[in-house]
Amino acid sequence: MRRLAIACALSLAALAAAPAANASVLIDPDTRQPMSALPFTAPREAARAPAIPREVVAFSGAYAPGTVVVNTSERRLYFVLGNGQAVRYGVGVGRPGFDWAGTQTISRKQEWPDWRPPVQMLQRRPDLPRFMAGGPDNPLGARAMYLGSSLYRIHGSNEPHTIGQAVSSGCIRMLNEDVVDLYNRVRVGTRVVVLR
């Protein structure tokens, strides 16, 4: 009886882990890895613990409250609260050759943004779609904050395994639940400082 129970449990676990036969698999444009097609609010995604938890931490620096500071070597983004504190988030950053530093401002905010790969990315990856409508399958995730007139954004991602990694073409990636939190805290005109 005990063997039968163990065999049933293992069979159920294998079925739960197996992908659906009709599930479409999208490929991440930067990492060329399969992307989850589930929206960030799906139970399976919500049940996963974030790779790097969002938390309020001690923060020192000469930045005004409301400033966003991205430390690419730490792979962390800080939203400065003031009084020596900031909200810290884990982020994915530009891979070698695509990392950058500087100061920008948030020039636009968008919920469930459409994605049009820039010309430079299409030259590297001509197989990419020219347009992808916003939604849970979109590589920009749930929210995007555009940085000045640059090609870069702070945006969501449905691939939590890329957070804490140097994998993008220069954009700052966040978990969808974290990018929604940051999106609600910032406004157009917010200063963004990216450090190496």
C-alpha atoms as a PDB file:
ATOM      1  CA  MET A   1       0.000   0.000   0.000  1.00  0.00           C
ATOM      2  CA  ARG A   2       2.832   2.383   0.903  1.00  0.00           C
ATOM      3  CA  ARG A   3       4.551   1.719  -2.477  1.00  0.00           C
ATOM      4  CA  LEU A   4       1.317   2.453  -4.319  1.00  0.00           C
ATOM      5  CA  ALA A   5       0.907   5.774  -2.474  1.00  0.00           C
ATOM      6  CA  ILE A   6       4.492   6.791  -3.283  1.00  0.00           C
ATOM      7  CA  ALA A   7       4.066   5.791  -6.956  1.00  0.00           C
ATOM      8  CA  CYS A   8       0.820   7.803  -7.199  1.00  0.00           C
ATOM      9  CA  ALA A   9       2.448  10.842  -5.588  1.00  0.00           C
ATOM     10  CA  LEU A  10       5.402  10.676  -8.001  1.00  0.00           C
ATOM     11  CA  SER A  11       3.073  10.295 -11.006  1.00  0.00           C
ATOM     12  CA  LEU A  12       1.000  13.296  -9.924  1.00  0.00           C
ATOM     13  CA  ALA A  13       4.144  15.380  -9.412  1.00  0.00           C
ATOM     14  CA  ALA A  14       5.383  14.458 -12.908  1.00  0.00           C
ATOM     15  CA  LEU A  15       2.014  15.392 -14.443  1.00  0.00           C
ATOM     16  CA  ALA A  16       1.971  18.734 -12.623  1.00  0.00           C
ATOM     17  CA  ALA A  17       5.486  19.525 -13.809  1.00  0.00           C
ATOM     18  CA  ALA A  18       4.862  18.538 -17.444  1.00  0.00           C
ATOM     19  CA  PRO A  19       3.983  21.395 -19.840  1.00  0.00           C
ATOM     20  CA  ALA A  20       0.606  21.355 -21.520  1.00  0.00           C
ATOM     21  CA  ALA A  21       0.731  19.721 -24.947  1.00  0.00           C
ATOM     22  CA  ASN A  22      -0.843  22.736 -26.638  1.00  0.00           C
ATOM     23  CA  ALA A  23       1.105  25.398 -24.722  1.00  0.00           C
ATOM     24  CA  SER A  24       2.929  27.855 -26.975  1.00  0.00           C
ATOM     25  CA  VAL A  25       6.466  28.731 -25.957  1.00  0.00           C
ATOM     26  CA  LEU A  26       7.760  32.244 -26.514  1.00  0.00           C
ATOM     27  CA  ILE A  27      11.476  32.953 -26.712  1.00  0.00           C
ATOM     28  CA  ASP A  28      13.011  35.821 -24.737  1.00  0.00           C
ATOM     29  CA  PRO A  29      14.663  38.218 -27.235  1.00  0.00           C
ATOM     30  CA  ASP A  30      17.714  38.827 -25.051  1.00  0.00           C
ATOM     31  CA  THR A  31      18.451  35.431 -23.531  1.00  0.00           C
ATOM     32  CA  ARG A  32      16.862  33.250 -26.251  1.00  0.00           C
ATOM     33  CA  GLN A  33      15.364  31.166 -23.444  1.00  0.00           C
ATOM     34  CA  PRO A  34      11.717  30.015 -23.257  1.00  0.00           C
ATOM     35  CA  MET A  35       9.389  32.540 -21.634  1.00  0.00           C
ATOM     36  CA  SER A  36       6.418  31.795 -19.424  1.00  0.00           C
ATOM     37  CA  ALA A  37       3.093  32.524 -21.133  1.00  0.00           C
ATOM     38  CA  LEU A  38       1.288  32.969 -17.812  1.00  0.00           C
ATOM     39  CA  PRO A  39       0.308  36.421 -16.585  1.00  0.00           C
ATOM     40  CA  PHE A  40       2.124  37.564 -13.468  1.00  0.00           C
ATOM     41  CA  THR A  41      -1.013  37.105 -11.360  1.00  0.00           C
ATOM     42  CA  ALA A  42      -1.364  33.412 -12.245  1.00  0.00           C
ATOM     43  CA  PRO A  43      -1.254  31.170  -9.167  1.00  0.00           C
ATOM     44  CA  ARG A  44       1.866  29.312 -10.343  1.00  0.00           C
ATOM     45  CA  GLU A  45       3.802  32.564 -10.779  1.00  0.00           C
ATOM     46  CA  ALA A  46       2.443  34.149  -7.609  1.00  0.00           C
ATOM     47  CA  ALA A  47       3.352  31.064  -5.584  1.00  0.00           C
ATOM     48  CA  ARG A  48       7.059  31.411  -6.422  1.00  0.00           C
ATOM     49  CA  ALA A  49       9.129  33.365  -3.950  1.00  0.00           C
ATOM     50  CA  PRO A  50      10.953  36.238  -5.645  1.00  0.00           C
ATOM     51  CA  ALA A  51      14.628  35.562  -6.260  1.00  0.00           C
ATOM     52  CA  ILE A  52      15.495  38.825  -4.504  1.00  0.00           C
ATOM     53  CA  PRO A  53      12.839  40.080  -2.094  1.00  0.00           C
ATOM     54  CA  ARG A  54      11.629  43.680  -2.186  1.00  0.00           C
ATOM     55  CA  GLU A  55      12.357  45.352   1.140  1.00  0.00           C
ATOM     56  CA  VAL A  56      12.924  48.673   2.869  1.00  0.00           C
ATOM     57  CA  VAL A  57      16.617  49.022   3.707  1.00  0.00           C
ATOM     58  CA  ALA A  58      19.027  51.564   5.160  1.00  0.00           C
ATOM     59  CA  PHE A  59      20.332  53.794   2.378  1.00  0.00           C
ATOM     60  CA  SER A  60      22.955  56.514   2.412  1.00  0.00           C
ATOM     61  CA  GLY A  61      23.689  58.813  -0.475  1.00  0.00           C
ATOM     62  CA  ALA A  62      23.120  62.361  -1.616  1.00  0.00           C
ATOM     63  CA  TYR A  63      19.913  61.564  -3.494  1.00  0.00           C
ATOM     64  CA  ALA A  64      16.624  63.362  -2.974  1.00  0.00           C
ATOM     65  CA  PRO A  65      13.586  61.350  -1.894  1.00  0.00           C
ATOM     66  CA  GLY A  66      11.821  59.974  -4.955  1.00  0.00           C
ATOM     67  CA  THR A  67      15.058  59.351  -6.890  1.00  0.00           C
ATOM     68  CA  VAL A  68      15.593  55.946  -8.495  1.00  0.00           C
ATOM     69  CA  VAL A  69      19.157  54.638  -8.162  1.00  0.00           C
ATOM     70  CA  VAL A  70      20.200  51.527 -10.096  1.00  0.00           C
ATOM     71  CA  ASN A  71      23.432  49.877  -8.960  1.00  0.00           C
ATOM     72  CA  THR A  72      24.262  47.554 -11.859  1.00  0.00           C
ATOM     73  CA  SER A  73      27.179  45.829 -10.095  1.00  0.00           C
ATOM     74  CA  GLU A  74      24.861  44.946  -7.182  1.00  0.00           C
ATOM     75  CA  ARG A  75      21.963  44.270  -9.569  1.00  0.00           C
ATOM     76  CA  ARG A  76      19.689  46.248  -7.295  1.00  0.00           C
ATOM     77  CA  LEU A  77      17.390  49.227  -7.805  1.00  0.00           C
ATOM     78  CA  TYR A  78      16.688  51.643  -4.954  1.00  0.00           C
ATOM     79  CA  PHE A  79      13.715  53.974  -4.682  1.00  0.00           C
ATOM     80  CA  VAL A  80      14.901  56.621  -2.219  1.00  0.00           C
ATOM     81  CA  LEU A  81      12.395  57.266   0.576  1.00  0.00           C
ATOM     82  CA  GLY A  82      14.475  59.757   2.550  1.00  0.00           C
ATOM     83  CA  ASN A  83      15.412  59.628   6.241  1.00  0.00           C
ATOM     84  CA  GLY A  84      18.179  57.144   5.401  1.00  0.00           C
ATOM     85  CA  GLN A  85      15.868  54.572   3.817  1.00  0.00           C
ATOM     86  CA  ALA A  86      15.035  53.207   0.389  1.00  0.00           C
ATOM     87  CA  VAL A  87      12.947  50.437  -1.113  1.00  0.00           C
ATOM     88  CA  ARG A  88      15.358  47.907  -2.611  1.00  0.00           C
ATOM     89  CA  TYR A  89      14.409  45.673  -5.544  1.00  0.00           C
ATOM     90  CA  GLY A  90      16.325  42.999  -7.420  1.00  0.00           C
ATOM     91  CA  VAL A  91      16.851  43.748 -11.114  1.00  0.00           C
ATOM     92  CA  GLY A  92      18.308  42.239 -14.257  1.00  0.00           C
ATOM     93  CA  VAL A  93      20.764  44.522 -16.046  1.00  0.00           C
ATOM     94  CA  GLY A  94      22.629  44.814 -19.351  1.00  0.00           C
ATOM     95  CA  ARG A  95      24.883  41.935 -20.263  1.00  0.00           C
ATOM     96  CA  PRO A  96      28.566  42.646 -21.031  1.00  0.00           C
ATOM     97  CA  GLY A  97      28.806  45.137 -23.863  1.00  0.00           C
ATOM     98  CA  PHE A  98      25.299  46.442 -23.149  1.00  0.00           C
ATOM     99  CA  ASP A  99      25.854  47.847 -19.665  1.00  0.00           C
ATOM    100  CA  TRP A 100      25.773  51.596 -19.213  1.00  0.00           C
ATOM    101  CA  ALA A 101      25.782  54.324 -16.586  1.00  0.00           C
ATOM    102  CA  GLY A 102      24.367  57.829 -16.439  1.00  0.00           C
ATOM    103  CA  THR A 103      21.424  59.952 -15.397  1.00  0.00           C
ATOM    104  CA  GLN A 104      18.053  59.978 -17.115  1.00  0.00           C
ATOM    105  CA  THR A 105      14.511  60.980 -16.247  1.00  0.00           C
ATOM    106  CA  ILE A 106      11.366  58.964 -16.647  1.00  0.00           C
ATOM    107  CA  SER A 107       9.862  60.434 -19.791  1.00  0.00           C
ATOM    108  CA  ARG A 108       6.834  58.141 -20.100  1.00  0.00           C
ATOM    109  CA  LYS A 109       5.007  55.438 -18.166  1.00  0.00           C
ATOM    110  CA  GLN A 110       2.982  52.651 -19.732  1.00  0.00           C
ATOM    111  CA  GLU A 111       0.847  49.816 -18.382  1.00  0.00           C
ATOM    112  CA  TRP A 112       1.147  46.543 -20.345  1.00  0.00           C
ATOM    113  CA  PRO A 113       3.272  48.270 -23.015  1.00  0.00           C
ATOM    114  CA  ASP A 114       3.486  47.212 -26.645  1.00  0.00           C
ATOM    115  CA  TRP A 115       6.964  46.172 -27.765  1.00  0.00           C
ATOM    116  CA  ARG A 116       8.698  47.284 -30.931  1.00  0.00           C
ATOM    117  CA  PRO A 117      12.297  46.056 -30.921  1.00  0.00           C
ATOM    118  CA  PRO A 118      14.674  48.912 -31.759  1.00  0.00           C
ATOM    119  CA  VAL A 119      16.514  48.849 -35.097  1.00  0.00           C
ATOM    120  CA  GLN A 120      19.787  47.995 -33.333  1.00  0.00           C
ATOM    121  CA  MET A 121      18.217  44.890 -31.770  1.00  0.00           C
ATOM    122  CA  LEU A 122      16.626  43.842 -35.060  1.00  0.00           C
ATOM    123  CA  GLN A 123      20.019  44.080 -36.752  1.00  0.00           C
ATOM    124  CA  ARG A 124      21.398  41.637 -34.181  1.00  0.00           C
ATOM    125  CA  ARG A 125      18.263  39.490 -34.128  1.00  0.00           C
ATOM    126  CA  PRO A 126      16.370  39.678 -37.459  1.00  0.00           C
ATOM    127  CA  ASP A 127      14.175  36.765 -36.311  1.00  0.00           C
ATOM    128  CA  LEU A 128      12.391  38.963 -33.743  1.00  0.00           C
ATOM    129  CA  PRO A 129       8.842  40.161 -34.364  1.00  0.00           C
ATOM    130  CA  ARG A 130       8.551  43.791 -35.479  1.00  0.00           C
ATOM    131  CA  PHE A 131       5.669  44.353 -33.049  1.00  0.00           C
ATOM    132  CA  MET A 132       4.173  42.592 -30.063  1.00  0.00           C
ATOM    133  CA  ALA A 133       1.002  43.858 -28.395  1.00  0.00           C
ATOM    134  CA  GLY A 134       1.108  44.489 -24.664  1.00  0.00           C
ATOM    135  CA  GLY A 135       0.006  41.669 -22.403  1.00  0.00           C
ATOM    136  CA  PRO A 136       1.317  38.848 -20.252  1.00  0.00           C
ATOM    137  CA  ASP A 137       3.343  37.320 -23.118  1.00  0.00           C
ATOM    138  CA  ASN A 138       5.122  40.581 -23.946  1.00  0.00           C
ATOM    139  CA  PRO A 139       8.845  40.782 -22.985  1.00  0.00           C
ATOM    140  CA  LEU A 140       8.277  44.224 -21.379  1.00  0.00           C
ATOM    141  CA  GLY A 141       5.972  42.719 -18.778  1.00  0.00           C
ATOM    142  CA  ALA A 142       3.307  44.516 -16.778  1.00  0.00           C
ATOM    143  CA  ARG A 143       4.753  48.043 -16.756  1.00  0.00           C
ATOM    144  CA  ALA A 144       7.438  50.115 -18.471  1.00  0.00           C
ATOM    145  CA  MET A 145       9.062  53.393 -17.521  1.00  0.00           C
ATOM    146  CA  TYR A 146      10.887  54.944 -20.471  1.00  0.00           C
ATOM    147  CA  LEU A 147      14.211  56.654 -19.744  1.00  0.00           C
ATOM    148  CA  GLY A 148      14.504  60.003 -21.502  1.00  0.00           C
ATOM    149  CA  SER A 149      14.954  59.680 -25.265  1.00  0.00           C
ATOM    150  CA  SER A 150      17.230  56.645 -24.847  1.00  0.00           C
ATOM    151  CA  LEU A 151      16.397  53.129 -26.001  1.00  0.00           C
ATOM    152  CA  TYR A 152      16.351  52.003 -22.367  1.00  0.00           C
ATOM    153  CA  ARG A 153      13.461  51.284 -20.022  1.00  0.00           C
ATOM    154  CA  ILE A 154      12.810  49.970 -16.586  1.00  0.00           C
ATOM    155  CA  HIS A 155      10.296  47.237 -17.283  1.00  0.00           C
ATOM    156  CA  GLY A 156       8.745  44.035 -16.009  1.00  0.00           C
ATOM    157  CA  SER A 157       9.616  40.469 -16.875  1.00  0.00           C
ATOM    158  CA  ASN A 158       7.765  37.181 -16.630  1.00  0.00           C
ATOM    159  CA  GLU A 159      11.069  35.371 -16.153  1.00  0.00           C
ATOM    160  CA  PRO A 160      12.044  35.649 -12.494  1.00  0.00           C
ATOM    161  CA  HIS A 161      15.231  33.639 -13.103  1.00  0.00           C
ATOM    162  CA  THR A 162      16.712  36.624 -15.017  1.00  0.00           C
ATOM    163  CA  ILE A 163      16.460  38.931 -11.993  1.00  0.00           C
ATOM    164  CA  GLY A 164      19.880  39.386 -10.431  1.00  0.00           C
ATOM    165  CA  GLN A 165      21.542  38.563 -13.757  1.00  0.00           C
ATOM    166  CA  ALA A 166      23.278  40.552 -16.508  1.00  0.00           C
ATOM    167  CA  VAL A 167      21.110  39.429 -19.430  1.00  0.00           C
ATOM    168  CA  SER A 168      19.413  42.356 -21.163  1.00  0.00           C
ATOM    169  CA  SER A 169      20.319  44.656 -24.037  1.00  0.00           C
ATOM    170  CA  GLY A 170      20.641  47.507 -21.535  1.00  0.00           C
ATOM    171  CA  CYS A 171      17.144  47.735 -20.076  1.00  0.00           C
ATOM    172  CA  ILE A 172      16.550  47.279 -16.357  1.00  0.00           C
ATOM    173  CA  ARG A 173      14.276  44.283 -15.740  1.00  0.00           C
ATOM    174  CA  MET A 174      12.162  43.703 -12.650  1.00  0.00           C
ATOM    175  CA  LEU A 175       9.722  41.088 -11.447  1.00  0.00           C
ATOM    176  CA  ASN A 176       6.250  42.104 -12.611  1.00  0.00           C
ATOM    177  CA  GLU A 177       5.001  42.552  -9.056  1.00  0.00           C
ATOM    178  CA  ASP A 178       8.015  44.765  -8.277  1.00  0.00           C
ATOM    179  CA  VAL A 179       7.701  46.878 -11.429  1.00  0.00           C
ATOM    180  CA  VAL A 180       4.036  47.533 -10.595  1.00  0.00           C
ATOM    181  CA  ASP A 181       5.081  48.672  -7.110  1.00  0.00           C
ATOM    182  CA  LEU A 182       7.775  51.003  -8.494  1.00  0.00           C
ATOM    183  CA  TYR A 183       5.461  52.278 -11.246  1.00  0.00           C
ATOM    184  CA  ASN A 184       2.980  53.379  -8.589  1.00  0.00           C
ATOM    185  CA  ARG A 185       5.703  55.264  -6.679  1.00  0.00           C
ATOM    186  CA  VAL A 186       7.308  57.238  -9.534  1.00  0.00           C
ATOM    187  CA  ARG A 187       6.032  59.927 -11.864  1.00  0.00           C
ATOM    188  CA  VAL A 188       7.065  61.307 -15.231  1.00  0.00           C
ATOM    189  CA  GLY A 189      10.108  63.484 -14.534  1.00  0.00           C
ATOM    190  CA  THR A 190      11.525  61.223 -11.797  1.00  0.00           C
ATOM    191  CA  ARG A 191      15.330  61.228 -11.823  1.00  0.00           C
ATOM    192  CA  VAL A 192      16.977  57.864 -12.512  1.00  0.00           C
ATOM    193  CA  VAL A 193      20.683  57.400 -11.741  1.00  0.00           C
ATOM    194  CA  VAL A 194      22.372  54.286 -13.142  1.00  0.00           C
ATOM    195  CA  LEU A 195      25.702  53.364 -11.534  1.00  0.00           C
ATOM    196  CA  ARG A 196      28.231  50.708 -12.540  1.00  0.00           C
END
